[in-house]
Amino acid sequence: MPMASCFGAEYLEAEVLSDPTDHALAAIASILDQPEAHPEPEKAAVEEKSIPPELIEADGYHKVGPGPMATIRIKWTARREDDGDYYVDETIGENSTPIVSGPMAGDAAIRFVDEREREARRQFEQLKSEMSGRSAAANLVRKDGGEM
């Protein structure tokens, strides 16, 4: 009898995770795969008002990506160096070494932070949607008496 079959169908899809991103996505997937005891009503999306980058102070400008746990959330922070150039530090969690992008102008740093956060949110929503679809399909199979 193969080892995986004695543990159940949920272990058949186990993979070796070597990239920190794989671990983060696996954690998100496992959280999203849990049935919710008390689903909360969806909150209406707050309209984002576009403020021209030149009216925002770039030094210290930051955004935090989506995610269920602070330890895997991405944060982008713009900072100004003594020479006037701006850099954006991208970190995962609270204690990671930042990935630094730059040098750039202040308005470019703000746009960079906004674009990275927007893309991360889009990818997170896509992953969440895919996980919800898989969970719904698995529930249908279980209700029909089929095996996974």
C-alpha atoms as a PDB file:
ATOM      1  CA  MET A   1       0.000   0.000   0.000  1.00  0.00           C
ATOM      2  CA  PRO A   2       1.522   3.353  -0.992  1.00  0.00           C
ATOM      3  CA  MET A   3       2.367   5.618   1.926  1.00  0.00           C
ATOM      4  CA  ALA A   4       0.186   8.509   0.719  1.00  0.00           C
ATOM      5  CA  SER A   5      -2.958   6.377   0.480  1.00  0.00           C
ATOM      6  CA  CYS A   6      -2.826   5.383   4.152  1.00  0.00           C
ATOM      7  CA  PHE A   7      -2.915   9.025   5.242  1.00  0.00           C
ATOM      8  CA  GLY A   8      -5.853  10.173   3.131  1.00  0.00           C
ATOM      9  CA  ALA A   9      -6.496  11.998  -0.107  1.00  0.00           C
ATOM     10  CA  GLU A  10      -5.528  15.414   1.245  1.00  0.00           C
ATOM     11  CA  TYR A  11      -1.877  14.350   1.371  1.00  0.00           C
ATOM     12  CA  LEU A  12      -1.704  13.293  -2.256  1.00  0.00           C
ATOM     13  CA  GLU A  13      -1.019  16.848  -3.389  1.00  0.00           C
ATOM     14  CA  ALA A  14       1.874  17.456  -0.970  1.00  0.00           C
ATOM     15  CA  GLU A  15       4.897  19.010  -2.586  1.00  0.00           C
ATOM     16  CA  VAL A  16       8.391  19.884  -1.427  1.00  0.00           C
ATOM     17  CA  LEU A  17       8.461  23.607  -0.644  1.00  0.00           C
ATOM     18  CA  SER A  18      11.830  25.279  -0.989  1.00  0.00           C
ATOM     19  CA  ASP A  19      11.014  28.893  -1.872  1.00  0.00           C
ATOM     20  CA  PRO A  20       9.744  31.233   0.925  1.00  0.00           C
ATOM     21  CA  THR A  21       7.029  32.379  -1.480  1.00  0.00           C
ATOM     22  CA  ASP A  22       5.851  28.757  -1.783  1.00  0.00           C
ATOM     23  CA  HIS A  23       5.597  28.564   2.002  1.00  0.00           C
ATOM     24  CA  ALA A  24       3.633  31.822   2.144  1.00  0.00           C
ATOM     25  CA  LEU A  25       1.227  30.725  -0.584  1.00  0.00           C
ATOM     26  CA  ALA A  26       0.802  27.325   1.057  1.00  0.00           C
ATOM     27  CA  ALA A  27      -0.039  29.008   4.363  1.00  0.00           C
ATOM     28  CA  ILE A  28      -2.567  31.273   2.656  1.00  0.00           C
ATOM     29  CA  ALA A  29      -4.074  28.323   0.802  1.00  0.00           C
ATOM     30  CA  SER A  30      -4.430  26.271   3.972  1.00  0.00           C
ATOM     31  CA  ILE A  31      -6.131  29.159   5.752  1.00  0.00           C
ATOM     32  CA  LEU A  32      -8.463  29.820   2.850  1.00  0.00           C
ATOM     33  CA  ASP A  33      -9.258  26.111   2.574  1.00  0.00           C
ATOM     34  CA  GLN A  34     -10.717  26.072   6.111  1.00  0.00           C
ATOM     35  CA  PRO A  35     -14.537  26.320   6.293  1.00  0.00           C
ATOM     36  CA  GLU A  36     -15.651  29.537   7.960  1.00  0.00           C
ATOM     37  CA  ALA A  37     -17.708  29.112  11.113  1.00  0.00           C
ATOM     38  CA  HIS A  38     -19.263  32.560  10.952  1.00  0.00           C
ATOM     39  CA  PRO A  39     -18.861  34.148   7.540  1.00  0.00           C
ATOM     40  CA  GLU A  40     -18.819  37.916   7.768  1.00  0.00           C
ATOM     41  CA  PRO A  41     -20.689  40.003   5.231  1.00  0.00           C
ATOM     42  CA  GLU A  42     -18.459  41.495   2.592  1.00  0.00           C
ATOM     43  CA  LYS A  43     -17.481  45.070   3.279  1.00  0.00           C
ATOM     44  CA  ALA A  44     -18.019  47.572   0.529  1.00  0.00           C
ATOM     45  CA  ALA A  45     -14.806  48.543  -1.163  1.00  0.00           C
ATOM     46  CA  VAL A  46     -13.690  52.024  -0.246  1.00  0.00           C
ATOM     47  CA  GLU A  47     -13.193  54.197  -3.264  1.00  0.00           C
ATOM     48  CA  GLU A  48      -9.603  55.200  -3.664  1.00  0.00           C
ATOM     49  CA  LYS A  49      -9.230  58.843  -4.481  1.00  0.00           C
ATOM     50  CA  SER A  50      -6.266  59.514  -6.665  1.00  0.00           C
ATOM     51  CA  ILE A  51      -3.936  62.068  -5.133  1.00  0.00           C
ATOM     52  CA  PRO A  52      -1.192  63.329  -7.419  1.00  0.00           C
ATOM     53  CA  PRO A  53       2.162  61.862  -6.258  1.00  0.00           C
ATOM     54  CA  GLU A  54       3.741  65.317  -6.052  1.00  0.00           C
ATOM     55  CA  LEU A  55       1.272  66.235  -3.258  1.00  0.00           C
ATOM     56  CA  ILE A  56       2.236  63.226  -1.119  1.00  0.00           C
ATOM     57  CA  GLU A  57       5.386  63.159   0.977  1.00  0.00           C
ATOM     58  CA  ALA A  58       7.413  60.278  -0.465  1.00  0.00           C
ATOM     59  CA  ASP A  59       9.781  59.812   2.494  1.00  0.00           C
ATOM     60  CA  GLY A  60       8.084  57.246   4.729  1.00  0.00           C
ATOM     61  CA  TYR A  61       5.274  56.529   2.257  1.00  0.00           C
ATOM     62  CA  HIS A  62       4.301  52.893   2.679  1.00  0.00           C
ATOM     63  CA  LYS A  63       1.693  50.279   1.896  1.00  0.00           C
ATOM     64  CA  VAL A  64       1.113  46.770   3.191  1.00  0.00           C
ATOM     65  CA  GLY A  65      -0.008  43.914   0.993  1.00  0.00           C
ATOM     66  CA  PRO A  66      -2.979  41.657   1.662  1.00  0.00           C
ATOM     67  CA  GLY A  67      -2.833  38.410   3.546  1.00  0.00           C
ATOM     68  CA  PRO A  68      -4.194  36.572   6.540  1.00  0.00           C
ATOM     69  CA  MET A  69      -1.018  36.717   8.661  1.00  0.00           C
ATOM     70  CA  ALA A  70       1.429  39.527   9.408  1.00  0.00           C
ATOM     71  CA  THR A  71       4.392  37.140   9.132  1.00  0.00           C
ATOM     72  CA  ILE A  72       3.807  36.665   5.391  1.00  0.00           C
ATOM     73  CA  ARG A  73       2.511  40.124   4.475  1.00  0.00           C
ATOM     74  CA  ILE A  74       4.618  42.241   2.141  1.00  0.00           C
ATOM     75  CA  LYS A  75       5.344  45.870   3.001  1.00  0.00           C
ATOM     76  CA  TRP A  76       6.761  48.568   0.726  1.00  0.00           C
ATOM     77  CA  THR A  77       8.333  51.666   2.259  1.00  0.00           C
ATOM     78  CA  ALA A  78       9.826  54.619   0.394  1.00  0.00           C
ATOM     79  CA  ARG A  79      12.770  56.407   1.992  1.00  0.00           C
ATOM     80  CA  ARG A  80      14.932  59.355   1.043  1.00  0.00           C
ATOM     81  CA  GLU A  81      18.700  59.201   1.197  1.00  0.00           C
ATOM     82  CA  ASP A  82      20.946  62.176   2.000  1.00  0.00           C
ATOM     83  CA  ASP A  83      21.679  62.729  -1.710  1.00  0.00           C
ATOM     84  CA  GLY A  84      17.951  63.325  -2.404  1.00  0.00           C
ATOM     85  CA  ASP A  85      17.316  60.021  -4.174  1.00  0.00           C
ATOM     86  CA  TYR A  86      14.486  57.760  -3.059  1.00  0.00           C
ATOM     87  CA  TYR A  87      14.578  54.019  -2.523  1.00  0.00           C
ATOM     88  CA  VAL A  88      11.800  51.533  -1.844  1.00  0.00           C
ATOM     89  CA  ASP A  89      12.359  48.750   0.691  1.00  0.00           C
ATOM     90  CA  GLU A  90      10.233  45.642   0.140  1.00  0.00           C
ATOM     91  CA  THR A  91       9.987  43.288   3.128  1.00  0.00           C
ATOM     92  CA  ILE A  92       8.040  40.130   3.938  1.00  0.00           C
ATOM     93  CA  GLY A  93       6.951  40.019   7.556  1.00  0.00           C
ATOM     94  CA  GLU A  94       8.587  42.109  10.230  1.00  0.00           C
ATOM     95  CA  ASN A  95      12.156  40.841  10.413  1.00  0.00           C
ATOM     96  CA  SER A  96      13.166  40.118   6.832  1.00  0.00           C
ATOM     97  CA  THR A  97      16.026  41.717   4.972  1.00  0.00           C
ATOM     98  CA  PRO A  98      14.559  44.269   2.535  1.00  0.00           C
ATOM     99  CA  ILE A  99      14.830  44.053  -1.204  1.00  0.00           C
ATOM    100  CA  VAL A 100      15.817  47.578  -2.236  1.00  0.00           C
ATOM    101  CA  SER A 101      14.720  49.273  -5.467  1.00  0.00           C
ATOM    102  CA  GLY A 102      16.111  52.587  -6.580  1.00  0.00           C
ATOM    103  CA  PRO A 103      17.388  55.209  -6.910  1.00  0.00           C
ATOM    104  CA  MET A 104      14.357  57.101  -8.185  1.00  0.00           C
ATOM    105  CA  ALA A 105      12.520  60.389  -7.824  1.00  0.00           C
ATOM    106  CA  GLY A 106       9.972  60.819  -5.032  1.00  0.00           C
ATOM    107  CA  ASP A 107       6.914  60.608  -7.299  1.00  0.00           C
ATOM    108  CA  ALA A 108       8.370  57.513  -8.976  1.00  0.00           C
ATOM    109  CA  ALA A 109       8.852  55.888  -5.544  1.00  0.00           C
ATOM    110  CA  ILE A 110       5.196  56.536  -4.684  1.00  0.00           C
ATOM    111  CA  ARG A 111       4.041  55.101  -8.018  1.00  0.00           C
ATOM    112  CA  PHE A 112       6.310  52.076  -7.494  1.00  0.00           C
ATOM    113  CA  VAL A 113       4.820  51.389  -4.030  1.00  0.00           C
ATOM    114  CA  ASP A 114       1.262  51.819  -5.355  1.00  0.00           C
ATOM    115  CA  GLU A 115       1.854  49.546  -8.363  1.00  0.00           C
ATOM    116  CA  ARG A 116       3.481  46.787  -6.286  1.00  0.00           C
ATOM    117  CA  GLU A 117       0.670  46.862  -3.712  1.00  0.00           C
ATOM    118  CA  ARG A 118      -2.013  46.859  -6.419  1.00  0.00           C
ATOM    119  CA  GLU A 119      -0.395  43.864  -8.166  1.00  0.00           C
ATOM    120  CA  ALA A 120      -0.024  41.960  -4.873  1.00  0.00           C
ATOM    121  CA  ARG A 121      -3.699  42.586  -4.071  1.00  0.00           C
ATOM    122  CA  ARG A 122      -4.722  41.395  -7.558  1.00  0.00           C
ATOM    123  CA  GLN A 123      -2.681  38.192  -7.182  1.00  0.00           C
ATOM    124  CA  PHE A 124      -4.022  37.578  -3.679  1.00  0.00           C
ATOM    125  CA  GLU A 125      -7.624  37.970  -4.854  1.00  0.00           C
ATOM    126  CA  GLN A 126      -6.937  35.619  -7.765  1.00  0.00           C
ATOM    127  CA  LEU A 127      -5.445  33.005  -5.419  1.00  0.00           C
ATOM    128  CA  LYS A 128      -8.354  33.412  -3.012  1.00  0.00           C
ATOM    129  CA  SER A 129     -10.819  32.967  -5.865  1.00  0.00           C
ATOM    130  CA  GLU A 130      -9.022  29.857  -7.110  1.00  0.00           C
ATOM    131  CA  MET A 131      -8.951  28.366  -3.619  1.00  0.00           C
ATOM    132  CA  SER A 132     -12.663  29.093  -3.135  1.00  0.00           C
ATOM    133  CA  GLY A 133     -13.416  27.402  -6.449  1.00  0.00           C
ATOM    134  CA  ARG A 134     -11.386  24.328  -5.519  1.00  0.00           C
ATOM    135  CA  SER A 135     -13.027  24.169  -2.110  1.00  0.00           C
ATOM    136  CA  ALA A 136     -16.509  24.415  -3.648  1.00  0.00           C
ATOM    137  CA  ALA A 137     -15.683  21.689  -6.188  1.00  0.00           C
ATOM    138  CA  ALA A 138     -14.315  19.428  -3.442  1.00  0.00           C
ATOM    139  CA  ASN A 139     -17.482  19.951  -1.389  1.00  0.00           C
ATOM    140  CA  LEU A 140     -19.627  18.977  -4.388  1.00  0.00           C
ATOM    141  CA  VAL A 141     -17.624  15.780  -4.877  1.00  0.00           C
ATOM    142  CA  ARG A 142     -17.943  14.906  -1.191  1.00  0.00           C
ATOM    143  CA  LYS A 143     -21.715  15.530  -1.204  1.00  0.00           C
ATOM    144  CA  ASP A 144     -22.139  13.328  -4.270  1.00  0.00           C
ATOM    145  CA  GLY A 145     -20.411  10.487  -2.439  1.00  0.00           C
ATOM    146  CA  GLY A 146     -17.448  10.479  -4.787  1.00  0.00           C
ATOM    147  CA  GLU A 147     -13.897  10.097  -3.664  1.00  0.00           C
ATOM    148  CA  MET A 148     -11.183  12.661  -4.067  1.00  0.00           C
END
